[in-house]
Amino acid sequence: MGGKCPSRKVKKRRYSHKTARRSKFLVKGDDAVYEELQKPDVEKKALPLDEDLPGMGQYYCLHCDRYFANISIRDEHFKTKRHKKRMKQMMGPAPHTQLDAELAAGMGMPDNGPKLMSM
């Protein structure tokens, strides 16, 4: 009769799924990447060597905020649909900011319209 709990497998699967492990690969938000792209080329510096990152931190995609093991893998990434979609998203209008959210919620300065002429 009894046996194992049927939901046991579901719980195990829940934690091994890719979306549960996604927090391991934290990326910058859209607004941070957008600000980085808006900087002039003079302010952008060469990447420092970092042993903890793939490829010593030298092969980096700014739009996707990802490091790659070598230049050929990075160049393959540039051809992917995900990268092209991200580039298009970053070249469009500026992403929403906290100020936009506050104004939409009605927390900004009141807009009473133009002043009327009184007689």
C-alpha atoms as a PDB file:
ATOM      1  CA  MET A   1       0.000   0.000   0.000  1.00  0.00           C
ATOM      2  CA  GLY A   2       2.036   3.020   1.111  1.00  0.00           C
ATOM      3  CA  GLY A   3       5.314   3.440  -0.703  1.00  0.00           C
ATOM      4  CA  LYS A   4       7.244   6.594  -1.403  1.00  0.00           C
ATOM      5  CA  CYS A   5       5.701  10.028  -1.504  1.00  0.00           C
ATOM      6  CA  PRO A   6       4.776  10.892  -5.130  1.00  0.00           C
ATOM      7  CA  SER A   7       5.826  14.527  -4.691  1.00  0.00           C
ATOM      8  CA  ARG A   8       9.340  13.548  -3.652  1.00  0.00           C
ATOM      9  CA  LYS A   9      10.557  13.412  -7.258  1.00  0.00           C
ATOM     10  CA  VAL A  10       8.981  16.767  -8.013  1.00  0.00           C
ATOM     11  CA  LYS A  11      10.838  18.463  -5.152  1.00  0.00           C
ATOM     12  CA  LYS A  12      14.115  16.938  -6.287  1.00  0.00           C
ATOM     13  CA  ARG A  13      13.544  18.072  -9.856  1.00  0.00           C
ATOM     14  CA  ARG A  14      12.582  21.569  -8.737  1.00  0.00           C
ATOM     15  CA  TYR A  15      16.047  22.299  -7.345  1.00  0.00           C
ATOM     16  CA  SER A  16      18.033  20.724 -10.166  1.00  0.00           C
ATOM     17  CA  HIS A  17      16.238  22.643 -12.894  1.00  0.00           C
ATOM     18  CA  LYS A  18      18.133  25.269 -14.882  1.00  0.00           C
ATOM     19  CA  THR A  19      15.978  28.190 -13.753  1.00  0.00           C
ATOM     20  CA  ALA A  20      16.655  27.356 -10.097  1.00  0.00           C
ATOM     21  CA  ARG A  21      20.392  27.556 -10.755  1.00  0.00           C
ATOM     22  CA  ARG A  22      20.113  30.741 -12.808  1.00  0.00           C
ATOM     23  CA  SER A  23      21.033  32.902  -9.801  1.00  0.00           C
ATOM     24  CA  LYS A  24      24.559  31.498 -10.142  1.00  0.00           C
ATOM     25  CA  PHE A  25      24.991  33.567 -13.282  1.00  0.00           C
ATOM     26  CA  LEU A  26      24.081  37.037 -12.070  1.00  0.00           C
ATOM     27  CA  VAL A  27      24.240  39.680 -14.769  1.00  0.00           C
ATOM     28  CA  LYS A  28      24.019  43.436 -14.679  1.00  0.00           C
ATOM     29  CA  GLY A  29      20.621  45.016 -15.096  1.00  0.00           C
ATOM     30  CA  ASP A  30      19.558  46.604 -18.364  1.00  0.00           C
ATOM     31  CA  ASP A  31      20.031  50.112 -16.992  1.00  0.00           C
ATOM     32  CA  ALA A  32      23.625  49.430 -15.862  1.00  0.00           C
ATOM     33  CA  VAL A  33      24.565  47.940 -19.261  1.00  0.00           C
ATOM     34  CA  TYR A  34      22.882  50.857 -21.056  1.00  0.00           C
ATOM     35  CA  GLU A  35      24.894  53.404 -19.020  1.00  0.00           C
ATOM     36  CA  GLU A  36      28.111  51.490 -19.752  1.00  0.00           C
ATOM     37  CA  LEU A  37      27.366  51.587 -23.489  1.00  0.00           C
ATOM     38  CA  GLN A  38      26.688  55.336 -23.393  1.00  0.00           C
ATOM     39  CA  LYS A  39      30.193  56.112 -22.067  1.00  0.00           C
ATOM     40  CA  PRO A  40      32.616  57.475 -24.672  1.00  0.00           C
ATOM     41  CA  ASP A  41      35.375  55.151 -25.886  1.00  0.00           C
ATOM     42  CA  VAL A  42      37.975  57.214 -24.005  1.00  0.00           C
ATOM     43  CA  GLU A  43      36.571  56.121 -20.630  1.00  0.00           C
ATOM     44  CA  LYS A  44      36.475  52.421 -21.556  1.00  0.00           C
ATOM     45  CA  LYS A  45      39.638  50.722 -20.331  1.00  0.00           C
ATOM     46  CA  ALA A  46      41.382  47.481 -21.200  1.00  0.00           C
ATOM     47  CA  LEU A  47      40.099  44.530 -19.185  1.00  0.00           C
ATOM     48  CA  PRO A  48      42.314  43.535 -16.242  1.00  0.00           C
ATOM     49  CA  LEU A  49      43.541  39.950 -15.925  1.00  0.00           C
ATOM     50  CA  ASP A  50      41.405  37.914 -13.527  1.00  0.00           C
ATOM     51  CA  GLU A  51      42.135  34.241 -12.863  1.00  0.00           C
ATOM     52  CA  ASP A  52      38.618  33.556 -11.585  1.00  0.00           C
ATOM     53  CA  LEU A  53      36.910  34.473 -14.865  1.00  0.00           C
ATOM     54  CA  PRO A  54      36.858  32.387 -18.055  1.00  0.00           C
ATOM     55  CA  GLY A  55      39.661  33.284 -20.439  1.00  0.00           C
ATOM     56  CA  MET A  56      41.354  35.353 -17.700  1.00  0.00           C
ATOM     57  CA  GLY A  57      38.589  37.931 -18.154  1.00  0.00           C
ATOM     58  CA  GLN A  58      39.848  39.084 -21.571  1.00  0.00           C
ATOM     59  CA  TYR A  59      36.949  37.967 -23.791  1.00  0.00           C
ATOM     60  CA  TYR A  60      33.873  39.910 -22.720  1.00  0.00           C
ATOM     61  CA  CYS A  61      30.528  40.777 -24.319  1.00  0.00           C
ATOM     62  CA  LEU A  62      29.413  44.134 -22.966  1.00  0.00           C
ATOM     63  CA  HIS A  63      25.821  43.849 -24.204  1.00  0.00           C
ATOM     64  CA  CYS A  64      25.187  40.469 -22.567  1.00  0.00           C
ATOM     65  CA  ASP A  65      27.590  40.952 -19.606  1.00  0.00           C
ATOM     66  CA  ARG A  66      29.284  37.596 -20.202  1.00  0.00           C
ATOM     67  CA  TYR A  67      32.880  36.362 -20.232  1.00  0.00           C
ATOM     68  CA  PHE A  68      34.120  33.693 -22.648  1.00  0.00           C
ATOM     69  CA  ALA A  69      36.980  31.188 -22.580  1.00  0.00           C
ATOM     70  CA  ASN A  70      38.516  32.240 -25.912  1.00  0.00           C
ATOM     71  CA  ILE A  71      37.970  34.558 -28.845  1.00  0.00           C
ATOM     72  CA  SER A  72      36.391  31.949 -31.133  1.00  0.00           C
ATOM     73  CA  ILE A  73      33.645  31.172 -28.611  1.00  0.00           C
ATOM     74  CA  ARG A  74      32.992  34.886 -28.164  1.00  0.00           C
ATOM     75  CA  ASP A  75      32.754  35.376 -31.925  1.00  0.00           C
ATOM     76  CA  GLU A  76      30.264  32.493 -32.151  1.00  0.00           C
ATOM     77  CA  HIS A  77      28.241  34.197 -29.421  1.00  0.00           C
ATOM     78  CA  PHE A  78      28.116  37.399 -31.498  1.00  0.00           C
ATOM     79  CA  LYS A  79      26.235  35.446 -34.203  1.00  0.00           C
ATOM     80  CA  THR A  80      23.524  34.102 -31.878  1.00  0.00           C
ATOM     81  CA  LYS A  81      19.936  35.276 -31.838  1.00  0.00           C
ATOM     82  CA  ARG A  82      20.116  36.029 -28.123  1.00  0.00           C
ATOM     83  CA  HIS A  83      23.046  38.443 -28.569  1.00  0.00           C
ATOM     84  CA  LYS A  84      21.451  40.185 -31.556  1.00  0.00           C
ATOM     85  CA  LYS A  85      18.208  40.628 -29.631  1.00  0.00           C
ATOM     86  CA  ARG A  86      20.107  42.087 -26.672  1.00  0.00           C
ATOM     87  CA  MET A  87      22.020  44.501 -28.933  1.00  0.00           C
ATOM     88  CA  LYS A  88      18.792  45.709 -30.509  1.00  0.00           C
ATOM     89  CA  GLN A  89      17.263  46.176 -27.058  1.00  0.00           C
ATOM     90  CA  MET A  90      20.252  48.235 -25.852  1.00  0.00           C
ATOM     91  CA  MET A  91      20.347  50.447 -28.959  1.00  0.00           C
ATOM     92  CA  GLY A  92      16.684  51.398 -28.587  1.00  0.00           C
ATOM     93  CA  PRO A  93      15.199  53.830 -26.090  1.00  0.00           C
ATOM     94  CA  ALA A  94      16.666  54.099 -22.605  1.00  0.00           C
ATOM     95  CA  PRO A  95      15.429  51.474 -20.138  1.00  0.00           C
ATOM     96  CA  HIS A  96      13.059  52.491 -17.382  1.00  0.00           C
ATOM     97  CA  THR A  97      14.543  54.041 -14.251  1.00  0.00           C
ATOM     98  CA  GLN A  98      13.364  54.410 -10.684  1.00  0.00           C
ATOM     99  CA  LEU A  99      12.206  57.965 -11.459  1.00  0.00           C
ATOM    100  CA  ASP A 100       9.971  56.652 -14.265  1.00  0.00           C
ATOM    101  CA  ALA A 101       8.446  54.130 -11.878  1.00  0.00           C
ATOM    102  CA  GLU A 102       7.745  56.777  -9.250  1.00  0.00           C
ATOM    103  CA  LEU A 103       6.141  59.110 -11.770  1.00  0.00           C
ATOM    104  CA  ALA A 104       3.941  56.298 -13.077  1.00  0.00           C
ATOM    105  CA  ALA A 105       2.830  55.508  -9.521  1.00  0.00           C
ATOM    106  CA  GLY A 106       1.877  59.142  -8.936  1.00  0.00           C
ATOM    107  CA  MET A 107       4.707  59.832  -6.509  1.00  0.00           C
ATOM    108  CA  GLY A 108       6.351  62.619  -8.521  1.00  0.00           C
ATOM    109  CA  MET A 109       5.602  66.316  -8.672  1.00  0.00           C
ATOM    110  CA  PRO A 110       1.944  67.050  -9.420  1.00  0.00           C
ATOM    111  CA  ASP A 111       1.134  68.221 -12.923  1.00  0.00           C
ATOM    112  CA  ASN A 112      -1.701  70.721 -12.619  1.00  0.00           C
ATOM    113  CA  GLY A 113      -1.573  71.767 -16.262  1.00  0.00           C
ATOM    114  CA  PRO A 114      -0.887  75.234 -17.658  1.00  0.00           C
ATOM    115  CA  LYS A 115      -1.789  78.253 -15.566  1.00  0.00           C
ATOM    116  CA  LEU A 116      -4.986  79.944 -16.611  1.00  0.00           C
ATOM    117  CA  MET A 117      -5.295  83.687 -17.057  1.00  0.00           C
ATOM    118  CA  SER A 118      -7.485  85.192 -14.345  1.00  0.00           C
ATOM    119  CA  MET A 119      -9.547  88.306 -14.960  1.00  0.00           C
END
